[in-house]
Amino acid sequence: MEATVVQCAEGHVFSTSTFPMQNLRSGRIGPGRLLRCPRCARLRQAVPLPRSDAENR
């Protein structure tokens, strides 16, 4: 399984092995998902980072 690099609403960047419903088009239900951020330990809205942005971090 491939890791997805995401950014939470607080700006923390981390990778996750699961990103719920990532195969659905973003125009249909939106790109953000609720994930537990490992930095602030809270459920936060998280969005996947584009591959080019993730490689630069």
C-alpha atoms as a PDB file:
ATOM      1  CA  MET A   1       0.000   0.000   0.000  1.00  0.00           C
ATOM      2  CA  GLU A   2       1.352   3.409  -0.944  1.00  0.00           C
ATOM      3  CA  ALA A   3       1.647   6.166   1.660  1.00  0.00           C
ATOM      4  CA  THR A   4      -0.226   9.404   1.022  1.00  0.00           C
ATOM      5  CA  VAL A   5       1.320  12.688   2.181  1.00  0.00           C
ATOM      6  CA  VAL A   6      -1.338  14.948   3.698  1.00  0.00           C
ATOM      7  CA  GLN A   7      -1.554  18.313   5.422  1.00  0.00           C
ATOM      8  CA  CYS A   8      -3.922  18.943   8.318  1.00  0.00           C
ATOM      9  CA  ALA A   9      -5.866  22.149   8.908  1.00  0.00           C
ATOM     10  CA  GLU A  10      -3.186  23.314  11.368  1.00  0.00           C
ATOM     11  CA  GLY A  11      -0.519  23.016   8.650  1.00  0.00           C
ATOM     12  CA  HIS A  12       1.177  19.855   9.920  1.00  0.00           C
ATOM     13  CA  VAL A  13       2.449  17.599   7.128  1.00  0.00           C
ATOM     14  CA  PHE A  14       2.523  13.833   7.645  1.00  0.00           C
ATOM     15  CA  SER A  15       2.068  10.619   5.708  1.00  0.00           C
ATOM     16  CA  THR A  16      -0.646   8.055   6.173  1.00  0.00           C
ATOM     17  CA  SER A  17      -1.050   4.601   4.702  1.00  0.00           C
ATOM     18  CA  THR A  18      -4.817   5.034   4.483  1.00  0.00           C
ATOM     19  CA  PHE A  19      -6.738   7.983   3.136  1.00  0.00           C
ATOM     20  CA  PRO A  20     -10.475   7.177   3.270  1.00  0.00           C
ATOM     21  CA  MET A  21     -12.279   7.246  -0.075  1.00  0.00           C
ATOM     22  CA  GLN A  22      -9.260   8.533  -1.989  1.00  0.00           C
ATOM     23  CA  ASN A  23     -10.493   6.891  -5.189  1.00  0.00           C
ATOM     24  CA  LEU A  24     -13.609   9.058  -5.416  1.00  0.00           C
ATOM     25  CA  ARG A  25     -13.409  12.208  -7.482  1.00  0.00           C
ATOM     26  CA  SER A  26     -12.829  15.348  -5.431  1.00  0.00           C
ATOM     27  CA  GLY A  27     -15.618  17.235  -7.222  1.00  0.00           C
ATOM     28  CA  ARG A  28     -18.134  14.780  -5.881  1.00  0.00           C
ATOM     29  CA  ILE A  29     -17.484  14.815  -2.132  1.00  0.00           C
ATOM     30  CA  GLY A  30     -14.518  17.154  -1.664  1.00  0.00           C
ATOM     31  CA  PRO A  31     -10.847  16.361  -1.162  1.00  0.00           C
ATOM     32  CA  GLY A  32     -10.628  16.671   2.643  1.00  0.00           C
ATOM     33  CA  ARG A  33     -11.032  13.879   5.177  1.00  0.00           C
ATOM     34  CA  LEU A  34     -10.997  13.715   8.966  1.00  0.00           C
ATOM     35  CA  LEU A  35      -7.775  12.133  10.191  1.00  0.00           C
ATOM     36  CA  ARG A  36      -6.028  12.076  13.541  1.00  0.00           C
ATOM     37  CA  CYS A  37      -2.966  14.318  13.248  1.00  0.00           C
ATOM     38  CA  PRO A  38       0.094  12.767  14.923  1.00  0.00           C
ATOM     39  CA  ARG A  39       1.501  16.216  15.810  1.00  0.00           C
ATOM     40  CA  CYS A  40      -1.508  17.701  17.620  1.00  0.00           C
ATOM     41  CA  ALA A  41      -3.295  14.373  18.399  1.00  0.00           C
ATOM     42  CA  ARG A  42      -6.705  15.693  17.326  1.00  0.00           C
ATOM     43  CA  LEU A  43      -9.106  14.884  14.548  1.00  0.00           C
ATOM     44  CA  ARG A  44      -8.417  17.433  11.838  1.00  0.00           C
ATOM     45  CA  GLN A  45      -9.512  18.048   8.292  1.00  0.00           C
ATOM     46  CA  ALA A  46      -6.644  16.812   6.096  1.00  0.00           C
ATOM     47  CA  VAL A  47      -6.076  17.137   2.372  1.00  0.00           C
ATOM     48  CA  PRO A  48      -3.590  15.238   0.215  1.00  0.00           C
ATOM     49  CA  LEU A  49      -0.621  17.251  -0.995  1.00  0.00           C
ATOM     50  CA  PRO A  50       0.222  17.210  -4.691  1.00  0.00           C
ATOM     51  CA  ARG A  51       3.140  14.881  -5.386  1.00  0.00           C
ATOM     52  CA  SER A  52       5.436  17.787  -6.346  1.00  0.00           C
ATOM     53  CA  ASP A  53       4.766  19.611  -3.028  1.00  0.00           C
ATOM     54  CA  ALA A  54       5.224  16.417  -1.020  1.00  0.00           C
ATOM     55  CA  GLU A  55       8.638  15.735  -2.586  1.00  0.00           C
ATOM     56  CA  ASN A  56       9.865  19.236  -1.707  1.00  0.00           C
ATOM     57  CA  ARG A  57       9.136  18.826   2.028  1.00  0.00           C
END
